[in-house]
Amino acid sequence: MTYDITAPSIPGKPATASFPTESLPVWSWIASSDSLSGLTAAPYTVQWSPDQDFLSNVSASTSTTNSFTHTTDLAFGVWYFRTKASDLANNDSSFSTAGQFNRHYPGAASSGPTGQSAGPSPSVSPSPSPSPSASPSPSPAPGLVPIPELPTNPTPEQLQSAITAILQNINYLQAELNKLQPQIIQPFERDLYFGLINDSEVQRLQEFLINKGYLENGLNTGNFYEKTLEAVKAYQQAKNITPVFGYFGPKTRQAVNLELGL
């Protein structure tokens, strides 16, 4: 009688071709083999966890083939995935080397559909200083100007002079009127996230964060990069908004709109 005490071969390192924005990645790996008892009907035990050592927050399932598709959405962040094989004699292989998947927000920087970590955050290059040029003559202080009186038969030059004065007075009065009218503040109505560039809503959010002391002055660029991400995280922590990911979603948007009185 022959007893099978030999474990199956260790499965290959799992990999995924899913894009980082997908919540249900698909994994595949090189299959195990067992020349004695043979593999079981569902030979693969799979585990995934945000802990690379698989000491906490470990989820598990089984697979009948050397591939696996998640059925429950993964949270944003880095996930590790590994698998082992079992044969009909109840021998288990060691776990494979863990594959890695970094789920991002839509629009966040990534390395493509390889499951690898995103690259460094894009840096903002300072704009070159303009070359010095001759300063124009200082304009007179703004204000109402006298409108020239026109004779019975004015010349084109006299008419143009009067028109210029009238237009200047209109512009001045319109500016003064705008100062007296209350500024209309619009609520934030869409999600904002890392990677957005030249976005007017991002700029408005940055101005809010600057005003509240979460972001440095001068960073209202409209580009959602690392410092804006950290400022949103700090705001979320201060307002007990979870999860603290720096994603300007419904919960954070509601808190900001509430502070704006909207």
C-alpha atoms as a PDB file:
ATOM      1  CA  MET A   1       0.000   0.000   0.000  1.00  0.00           C
ATOM      2  CA  THR A   2       1.293   3.418  -0.922  1.00  0.00           C
ATOM      3  CA  TYR A   3       0.554   6.433   1.212  1.00  0.00           C
ATOM      4  CA  ASP A   4       0.618   9.860  -0.433  1.00  0.00           C
ATOM      5  CA  ILE A   5       2.375  12.336   1.846  1.00  0.00           C
ATOM      6  CA  THR A   6       3.626  14.589  -0.934  1.00  0.00           C
ATOM      7  CA  ALA A   7       1.996  18.001  -1.214  1.00  0.00           C
ATOM      8  CA  PRO A   8       1.005  19.481  -4.564  1.00  0.00           C
ATOM      9  CA  SER A   9       3.376  21.925  -6.216  1.00  0.00           C
ATOM     10  CA  ILE A  10       3.108  25.519  -4.994  1.00  0.00           C
ATOM     11  CA  PRO A  11       0.884  27.649  -7.255  1.00  0.00           C
ATOM     12  CA  GLY A  12       2.466  30.495  -9.178  1.00  0.00           C
ATOM     13  CA  LYS A  13       2.319  34.095  -7.941  1.00  0.00           C
ATOM     14  CA  PRO A  14      -1.182  35.483  -8.643  1.00  0.00           C
ATOM     15  CA  ALA A  15      -1.456  38.441 -11.011  1.00  0.00           C
ATOM     16  CA  THR A  16      -4.324  40.585 -12.246  1.00  0.00           C
ATOM     17  CA  ALA A  17      -4.895  42.521 -15.454  1.00  0.00           C
ATOM     18  CA  SER A  18      -7.752  44.515 -13.897  1.00  0.00           C
ATOM     19  CA  PHE A  19      -7.534  48.290 -13.949  1.00  0.00           C
ATOM     20  CA  PRO A  20      -6.866  49.944 -10.568  1.00  0.00           C
ATOM     21  CA  THR A  21     -10.300  51.621 -10.628  1.00  0.00           C
ATOM     22  CA  GLU A  22     -12.100  48.261 -10.728  1.00  0.00           C
ATOM     23  CA  SER A  23     -13.567  46.994  -7.443  1.00  0.00           C
ATOM     24  CA  LEU A  24     -13.804  43.306  -8.434  1.00  0.00           C
ATOM     25  CA  PRO A  25     -10.379  42.337  -9.833  1.00  0.00           C
ATOM     26  CA  VAL A  26      -9.782  39.027 -11.588  1.00  0.00           C
ATOM     27  CA  TRP A  27      -6.722  36.982 -10.541  1.00  0.00           C
ATOM     28  CA  SER A  28      -4.934  34.146 -12.306  1.00  0.00           C
ATOM     29  CA  TRP A  29      -1.859  32.041 -11.527  1.00  0.00           C
ATOM     30  CA  ILE A  30       0.188  29.098 -12.793  1.00  0.00           C
ATOM     31  CA  ALA A  31      -1.681  25.935 -11.828  1.00  0.00           C
ATOM     32  CA  SER A  32      -0.440  23.400  -9.280  1.00  0.00           C
ATOM     33  CA  SER A  33       0.178  19.761 -10.139  1.00  0.00           C
ATOM     34  CA  ASP A  34       0.002  16.535  -8.130  1.00  0.00           C
ATOM     35  CA  SER A  35       1.243  13.294  -9.723  1.00  0.00           C
ATOM     36  CA  LEU A  36       0.046  10.910  -6.983  1.00  0.00           C
ATOM     37  CA  SER A  37      -3.440  11.392  -5.541  1.00  0.00           C
ATOM     38  CA  GLY A  38      -4.332  14.280  -7.825  1.00  0.00           C
ATOM     39  CA  LEU A  39      -5.884  17.616  -6.932  1.00  0.00           C
ATOM     40  CA  THR A  40      -9.310  17.933  -5.314  1.00  0.00           C
ATOM     41  CA  ALA A  41     -12.361  19.169  -7.202  1.00  0.00           C
ATOM     42  CA  ALA A  42     -11.881  22.668  -5.741  1.00  0.00           C
ATOM     43  CA  PRO A  43      -8.152  22.520  -5.114  1.00  0.00           C
ATOM     44  CA  TYR A  44      -7.306  26.160  -4.511  1.00  0.00           C
ATOM     45  CA  THR A  45      -7.746  28.083  -1.275  1.00  0.00           C
ATOM     46  CA  VAL A  46      -7.353  31.824  -1.889  1.00  0.00           C
ATOM     47  CA  GLN A  47      -6.805  34.578   0.645  1.00  0.00           C
ATOM     48  CA  TRP A  48      -6.732  38.377   0.330  1.00  0.00           C
ATOM     49  CA  SER A  49      -5.920  41.049   2.883  1.00  0.00           C
ATOM     50  CA  PRO A  50      -4.701  44.654   3.179  1.00  0.00           C
ATOM     51  CA  ASP A  51      -2.017  43.189   5.505  1.00  0.00           C
ATOM     52  CA  GLN A  52       0.934  41.909   3.461  1.00  0.00           C
ATOM     53  CA  ASP A  53       1.735  39.415   6.249  1.00  0.00           C
ATOM     54  CA  PHE A  54      -1.854  38.096   6.348  1.00  0.00           C
ATOM     55  CA  LEU A  55      -2.025  38.489  10.125  1.00  0.00           C
ATOM     56  CA  SER A  56      -5.268  40.501  10.201  1.00  0.00           C
ATOM     57  CA  ASN A  57      -8.331  41.333   8.075  1.00  0.00           C
ATOM     58  CA  VAL A  58      -7.911  38.136   6.022  1.00  0.00           C
ATOM     59  CA  SER A  59     -10.717  37.005   3.706  1.00  0.00           C
ATOM     60  CA  ALA A  60     -10.756  33.574   2.064  1.00  0.00           C
ATOM     61  CA  SER A  61     -12.535  31.534  -0.580  1.00  0.00           C
ATOM     62  CA  THR A  62     -11.949  28.534  -2.874  1.00  0.00           C
ATOM     63  CA  SER A  63     -11.599  28.096  -6.604  1.00  0.00           C
ATOM     64  CA  THR A  64     -11.991  25.126  -8.933  1.00  0.00           C
ATOM     65  CA  THR A  65      -9.559  26.610 -11.475  1.00  0.00           C
ATOM     66  CA  ASN A  66      -6.368  28.628 -11.424  1.00  0.00           C
ATOM     67  CA  SER A  67      -8.305  31.904 -11.519  1.00  0.00           C
ATOM     68  CA  PHE A  68     -10.537  33.823  -9.133  1.00  0.00           C
ATOM     69  CA  THR A  69     -12.943  36.776  -9.440  1.00  0.00           C
ATOM     70  CA  HIS A  70     -13.964  38.768  -6.367  1.00  0.00           C
ATOM     71  CA  THR A  71     -17.690  38.928  -5.683  1.00  0.00           C
ATOM     72  CA  THR A  72     -17.509  41.629  -2.993  1.00  0.00           C
ATOM     73  CA  ASP A  73     -16.153  45.099  -3.744  1.00  0.00           C
ATOM     74  CA  LEU A  74     -12.635  45.758  -2.471  1.00  0.00           C
ATOM     75  CA  ALA A  75     -12.114  48.980  -0.543  1.00  0.00           C
ATOM     76  CA  PHE A  76      -9.698  51.588  -1.889  1.00  0.00           C
ATOM     77  CA  GLY A  77      -6.060  50.855  -1.077  1.00  0.00           C
ATOM     78  CA  VAL A  78      -3.431  48.140  -1.503  1.00  0.00           C
ATOM     79  CA  TRP A  79      -4.531  44.474  -1.353  1.00  0.00           C
ATOM     80  CA  TYR A  80      -2.443  41.303  -1.235  1.00  0.00           C
ATOM     81  CA  PHE A  81      -3.626  37.986  -2.710  1.00  0.00           C
ATOM     82  CA  ARG A  82      -2.222  34.455  -2.352  1.00  0.00           C
ATOM     83  CA  THR A  83      -3.308  30.863  -2.956  1.00  0.00           C
ATOM     84  CA  LYS A  84      -2.426  27.265  -2.061  1.00  0.00           C
ATOM     85  CA  ALA A  85      -3.452  23.869  -3.461  1.00  0.00           C
ATOM     86  CA  SER A  86      -4.836  20.666  -1.846  1.00  0.00           C
ATOM     87  CA  ASP A  87      -4.803  17.087  -3.119  1.00  0.00           C
ATOM     88  CA  LEU A  88      -7.121  14.120  -2.539  1.00  0.00           C
ATOM     89  CA  ALA A  89      -4.861  12.815   0.236  1.00  0.00           C
ATOM     90  CA  ASN A  90      -5.430  16.026   2.223  1.00  0.00           C
ATOM     91  CA  ASN A  91      -1.945  17.347   1.572  1.00  0.00           C
ATOM     92  CA  ASP A  92      -1.673  21.123   1.246  1.00  0.00           C
ATOM     93  CA  SER A  93       1.007  23.036  -0.604  1.00  0.00           C
ATOM     94  CA  SER A  94       2.587  26.128   0.873  1.00  0.00           C
ATOM     95  CA  PHE A  95       0.971  29.446   0.002  1.00  0.00           C
ATOM     96  CA  SER A  96       2.174  31.138  -3.148  1.00  0.00           C
ATOM     97  CA  THR A  97       4.042  34.418  -3.197  1.00  0.00           C
ATOM     98  CA  ALA A  98       1.433  37.166  -2.736  1.00  0.00           C
ATOM     99  CA  GLY A  99       0.318  39.258  -5.680  1.00  0.00           C
ATOM    100  CA  GLN A 100      -0.583  42.908  -5.184  1.00  0.00           C
ATOM    101  CA  PHE A 101      -3.463  45.120  -6.339  1.00  0.00           C
ATOM    102  CA  ASN A 102      -3.762  48.837  -5.608  1.00  0.00           C
ATOM    103  CA  ARG A 103      -7.329  50.037  -6.036  1.00  0.00           C
ATOM    104  CA  HIS A 104      -7.486  53.753  -6.848  1.00  0.00           C
ATOM    105  CA  TYR A 105     -10.092  56.436  -7.079  1.00  0.00           C
ATOM    106  CA  PRO A 106     -11.167  57.233 -10.636  1.00  0.00           C
ATOM    107  CA  GLY A 107      -8.704  59.733 -12.035  1.00  0.00           C
ATOM    108  CA  ALA A 108      -5.899  58.908  -9.586  1.00  0.00           C
ATOM    109  CA  ALA A 109      -2.411  58.317 -10.990  1.00  0.00           C
ATOM    110  CA  SER A 110      -1.646  54.654 -11.675  1.00  0.00           C
ATOM    111  CA  SER A 111       0.722  52.411 -13.563  1.00  0.00           C
ATOM    112  CA  GLY A 112      -2.042  50.855 -15.690  1.00  0.00           C
ATOM    113  CA  PRO A 113      -3.830  47.501 -15.463  1.00  0.00           C
ATOM    114  CA  THR A 114      -0.976  45.554 -13.843  1.00  0.00           C
ATOM    115  CA  GLY A 115      -2.070  45.644 -10.225  1.00  0.00           C
ATOM    116  CA  GLN A 116       1.159  47.391  -9.246  1.00  0.00           C
ATOM    117  CA  SER A 117       1.382  50.395  -6.991  1.00  0.00           C
ATOM    118  CA  ALA A 118       0.904  53.844  -8.422  1.00  0.00           C
ATOM    119  CA  GLY A 119       3.922  55.897  -9.245  1.00  0.00           C
ATOM    120  CA  PRO A 120       4.885  59.048  -7.392  1.00  0.00           C
ATOM    121  CA  SER A 121       2.434  61.885  -7.338  1.00  0.00           C
ATOM    122  CA  PRO A 122       2.861  64.308 -10.201  1.00  0.00           C
ATOM    123  CA  SER A 123       4.786  67.399  -9.318  1.00  0.00           C
ATOM    124  CA  VAL A 124       3.855  70.875 -10.317  1.00  0.00           C
ATOM    125  CA  SER A 125       6.632  72.685 -12.109  1.00  0.00           C
ATOM    126  CA  PRO A 126       6.902  76.332 -11.174  1.00  0.00           C
ATOM    127  CA  SER A 127       6.072  78.720 -13.968  1.00  0.00           C
ATOM    128  CA  PRO A 128       9.105  80.592 -15.263  1.00  0.00           C
ATOM    129  CA  SER A 129       9.379  84.172 -14.166  1.00  0.00           C
ATOM    130  CA  PRO A 130       8.447  86.555 -16.979  1.00  0.00           C
ATOM    131  CA  SER A 131      11.177  88.654 -18.435  1.00  0.00           C
ATOM    132  CA  PRO A 132      11.182  92.183 -17.078  1.00  0.00           C
ATOM    133  CA  SER A 133       9.535  94.690 -19.361  1.00  0.00           C
ATOM    134  CA  ALA A 134       9.049  98.405 -19.309  1.00  0.00           C
ATOM    135  CA  SER A 135       6.420  99.448 -16.804  1.00  0.00           C
ATOM    136  CA  PRO A 136       3.465 101.337 -18.280  1.00  0.00           C
ATOM    137  CA  SER A 137       2.694 104.808 -17.073  1.00  0.00           C
ATOM    138  CA  PRO A 138       0.510 104.696 -13.980  1.00  0.00           C
ATOM    139  CA  SER A 139      -3.191 105.117 -14.708  1.00  0.00           C
ATOM    140  CA  PRO A 140      -5.146 107.745 -12.854  1.00  0.00           C
ATOM    141  CA  ALA A 141      -7.152 106.590  -9.869  1.00  0.00           C
ATOM    142  CA  PRO A 142     -10.482 105.094 -10.979  1.00  0.00           C
ATOM    143  CA  GLY A 143     -13.599 107.144 -10.475  1.00  0.00           C
ATOM    144  CA  LEU A 144     -16.193 109.209 -12.231  1.00  0.00           C
ATOM    145  CA  VAL A 145     -14.861 111.510 -14.929  1.00  0.00           C
ATOM    146  CA  PRO A 146     -16.499 114.645 -16.294  1.00  0.00           C
ATOM    147  CA  ILE A 147     -18.371 114.213 -19.569  1.00  0.00           C
ATOM    148  CA  PRO A 148     -17.438 116.870 -22.102  1.00  0.00           C
ATOM    149  CA  GLU A 149     -20.231 119.174 -23.223  1.00  0.00           C
ATOM    150  CA  LEU A 150     -20.999 118.839 -26.896  1.00  0.00           C
ATOM    151  CA  PRO A 151     -21.669 121.736 -29.248  1.00  0.00           C
ATOM    152  CA  THR A 152     -24.670 121.794 -31.581  1.00  0.00           C
ATOM    153  CA  ASN A 153     -22.645 120.267 -34.407  1.00  0.00           C
ATOM    154  CA  PRO A 154     -19.958 118.132 -32.707  1.00  0.00           C
ATOM    155  CA  THR A 155     -17.044 116.688 -34.590  1.00  0.00           C
ATOM    156  CA  PRO A 156     -16.401 112.918 -34.619  1.00  0.00           C
ATOM    157  CA  GLU A 157     -13.498 113.444 -32.216  1.00  0.00           C
ATOM    158  CA  GLN A 158     -15.733 115.319 -29.745  1.00  0.00           C
ATOM    159  CA  LEU A 159     -18.361 112.559 -29.932  1.00  0.00           C
ATOM    160  CA  GLN A 160     -15.726 109.887 -29.341  1.00  0.00           C
ATOM    161  CA  SER A 161     -14.369 111.775 -26.339  1.00  0.00           C
ATOM    162  CA  ALA A 162     -17.824 111.953 -24.763  1.00  0.00           C
ATOM    163  CA  ILE A 163     -18.514 108.278 -25.471  1.00  0.00           C
ATOM    164  CA  THR A 164     -15.198 107.267 -23.881  1.00  0.00           C
ATOM    165  CA  ALA A 165     -16.005 109.246 -20.719  1.00  0.00           C
ATOM    166  CA  ILE A 166     -19.516 107.780 -20.504  1.00  0.00           C
ATOM    167  CA  LEU A 167     -18.226 104.207 -20.895  1.00  0.00           C
ATOM    168  CA  GLN A 168     -15.580 104.779 -18.222  1.00  0.00           C
ATOM    169  CA  ASN A 169     -18.252 106.043 -15.825  1.00  0.00           C
ATOM    170  CA  ILE A 170     -20.484 103.034 -16.599  1.00  0.00           C
ATOM    171  CA  ASN A 171     -17.634 100.607 -15.876  1.00  0.00           C
ATOM    172  CA  TYR A 172     -16.798 102.367 -12.637  1.00  0.00           C
ATOM    173  CA  LEU A 173     -20.412 102.401 -11.433  1.00  0.00           C
ATOM    174  CA  GLN A 174     -20.872  98.722 -12.363  1.00  0.00           C
ATOM    175  CA  ALA A 175     -17.805  97.784 -10.315  1.00  0.00           C
ATOM    176  CA  GLU A 176     -19.098  99.740  -7.329  1.00  0.00           C
ATOM    177  CA  LEU A 177     -22.483  98.041  -7.664  1.00  0.00           C
ATOM    178  CA  ASN A 178     -20.856  94.609  -7.675  1.00  0.00           C
ATOM    179  CA  LYS A 179     -19.139  95.454  -4.401  1.00  0.00           C
ATOM    180  CA  LEU A 180     -22.468  96.198  -2.757  1.00  0.00           C
ATOM    181  CA  GLN A 181     -24.224  93.051  -3.978  1.00  0.00           C
ATOM    182  CA  PRO A 182     -23.822  89.893  -1.846  1.00  0.00           C
ATOM    183  CA  GLN A 183     -21.680  87.200  -3.411  1.00  0.00           C
ATOM    184  CA  ILE A 184     -23.666  84.121  -4.463  1.00  0.00           C
ATOM    185  CA  ILE A 185     -22.009  80.959  -3.139  1.00  0.00           C
ATOM    186  CA  GLN A 186     -22.777  77.789  -5.033  1.00  0.00           C
ATOM    187  CA  PRO A 187     -22.804  74.406  -3.235  1.00  0.00           C
ATOM    188  CA  PHE A 188     -20.348  71.672  -4.160  1.00  0.00           C
ATOM    189  CA  GLU A 189     -22.277  69.091  -6.175  1.00  0.00           C
ATOM    190  CA  ARG A 190     -19.751  66.569  -7.548  1.00  0.00           C
ATOM    191  CA  ASP A 191     -16.956  64.336  -6.305  1.00  0.00           C
ATOM    192  CA  LEU A 192     -13.389  65.661  -6.486  1.00  0.00           C
ATOM    193  CA  TYR A 193     -10.329  63.435  -6.294  1.00  0.00           C
ATOM    194  CA  PHE A 194      -6.591  63.117  -6.738  1.00  0.00           C
ATOM    195  CA  GLY A 195      -5.377  63.698 -10.288  1.00  0.00           C
ATOM    196  CA  LEU A 196      -7.867  66.341 -11.453  1.00  0.00           C
ATOM    197  CA  ILE A 197      -6.158  69.302 -13.152  1.00  0.00           C
ATOM    198  CA  ASN A 198      -7.268  72.789 -14.142  1.00  0.00           C
ATOM    199  CA  ASP A 199     -10.611  72.204 -12.420  1.00  0.00           C
ATOM    200  CA  SER A 200     -12.598  75.211 -11.225  1.00  0.00           C
ATOM    201  CA  GLU A 201     -14.353  73.194  -8.521  1.00  0.00           C
ATOM    202  CA  VAL A 202     -10.994  71.948  -7.221  1.00  0.00           C
ATOM    203  CA  GLN A 203      -9.815  75.563  -7.087  1.00  0.00           C
ATOM    204  CA  ARG A 204     -12.927  76.535  -5.139  1.00  0.00           C
ATOM    205  CA  LEU A 205     -12.344  73.653  -2.709  1.00  0.00           C
ATOM    206  CA  GLN A 206      -8.728  74.726  -2.285  1.00  0.00           C
ATOM    207  CA  GLU A 207      -9.830  78.283  -1.477  1.00  0.00           C
ATOM    208  CA  PHE A 208     -12.182  76.889   1.172  1.00  0.00           C
ATOM    209  CA  LEU A 209      -9.370  74.774   2.674  1.00  0.00           C
ATOM    210  CA  ILE A 210      -6.992  77.753   2.649  1.00  0.00           C
ATOM    211  CA  ASN A 211      -9.611  79.891   4.392  1.00  0.00           C
ATOM    212  CA  LYS A 212     -10.063  77.184   7.058  1.00  0.00           C
ATOM    213  CA  GLY A 213      -6.322  76.756   7.589  1.00  0.00           C
ATOM    214  CA  TYR A 214      -5.969  73.254   6.111  1.00  0.00           C
ATOM    215  CA  LEU A 215      -4.011  74.309   3.012  1.00  0.00           C
ATOM    216  CA  GLU A 216      -1.177  76.761   2.434  1.00  0.00           C
ATOM    217  CA  ASN A 217      -1.836  80.117   0.816  1.00  0.00           C
ATOM    218  CA  GLY A 218      -1.236  80.202  -2.906  1.00  0.00           C
ATOM    219  CA  LEU A 219      -2.142  76.552  -3.542  1.00  0.00           C
ATOM    220  CA  ASN A 220      -5.514  77.331  -5.130  1.00  0.00           C
ATOM    221  CA  THR A 221      -4.204  76.097  -8.480  1.00  0.00           C
ATOM    222  CA  GLY A 222      -7.144  73.932  -9.565  1.00  0.00           C
ATOM    223  CA  ASN A 223      -4.832  70.884  -9.559  1.00  0.00           C
ATOM    224  CA  PHE A 224      -5.732  68.099  -7.098  1.00  0.00           C
ATOM    225  CA  TYR A 225      -2.278  66.861  -6.100  1.00  0.00           C
ATOM    226  CA  GLU A 226      -0.622  65.602  -2.920  1.00  0.00           C
ATOM    227  CA  LYS A 227      -0.968  68.725  -0.745  1.00  0.00           C
ATOM    228  CA  THR A 228      -4.658  69.079  -1.566  1.00  0.00           C
ATOM    229  CA  LEU A 229      -5.131  65.371  -0.828  1.00  0.00           C
ATOM    230  CA  GLU A 230      -3.478  65.789   2.592  1.00  0.00           C
ATOM    231  CA  ALA A 231      -5.554  68.909   3.304  1.00  0.00           C
ATOM    232  CA  VAL A 232      -8.806  67.047   2.569  1.00  0.00           C
ATOM    233  CA  LYS A 233      -7.628  64.204   4.840  1.00  0.00           C
ATOM    234  CA  ALA A 234      -6.935  66.692   7.642  1.00  0.00           C
ATOM    235  CA  TYR A 235     -10.408  68.184   7.192  1.00  0.00           C
ATOM    236  CA  GLN A 236     -11.983  64.713   7.280  1.00  0.00           C
ATOM    237  CA  GLN A 237     -10.119  63.868  10.487  1.00  0.00           C
ATOM    238  CA  ALA A 238     -11.203  67.138  12.082  1.00  0.00           C
ATOM    239  CA  LYS A 239     -14.846  66.481  11.155  1.00  0.00           C
ATOM    240  CA  ASN A 240     -14.746  62.741  12.069  1.00  0.00           C
ATOM    241  CA  ILE A 241     -15.529  61.753   8.487  1.00  0.00           C
ATOM    242  CA  THR A 242     -14.619  58.169   7.635  1.00  0.00           C
ATOM    243  CA  PRO A 243     -12.890  56.689   5.797  1.00  0.00           C
ATOM    244  CA  VAL A 244     -10.067  59.239   5.786  1.00  0.00           C
ATOM    245  CA  PHE A 245      -8.950  58.769   2.176  1.00  0.00           C
ATOM    246  CA  GLY A 246      -8.734  62.381   0.954  1.00  0.00           C
ATOM    247  CA  TYR A 247     -11.578  61.690  -1.497  1.00  0.00           C
ATOM    248  CA  PHE A 248     -14.018  64.606  -1.676  1.00  0.00           C
ATOM    249  CA  GLY A 249     -17.187  62.521  -1.812  1.00  0.00           C
ATOM    250  CA  PRO A 250     -20.761  62.875  -0.512  1.00  0.00           C
ATOM    251  CA  LYS A 251     -19.926  62.922   3.225  1.00  0.00           C
ATOM    252  CA  THR A 252     -17.159  65.528   2.943  1.00  0.00           C
ATOM    253  CA  ARG A 253     -19.147  67.541   0.431  1.00  0.00           C
ATOM    254  CA  GLN A 254     -22.100  67.671   2.811  1.00  0.00           C
ATOM    255  CA  ALA A 255     -19.888  68.882   5.666  1.00  0.00           C
ATOM    256  CA  VAL A 256     -18.334  71.634   3.534  1.00  0.00           C
ATOM    257  CA  ASN A 257     -21.701  72.789   2.183  1.00  0.00           C
ATOM    258  CA  LEU A 258     -23.008  72.921   5.740  1.00  0.00           C
ATOM    259  CA  GLU A 259     -20.118  75.183   6.758  1.00  0.00           C
ATOM    260  CA  LEU A 260     -20.914  77.387   3.773  1.00  0.00           C
ATOM    261  CA  GLY A 261     -24.494  77.698   5.028  1.00  0.00           C
ATOM    262  CA  LEU A 262     -25.894  75.817   2.009  1.00  0.00           C
END
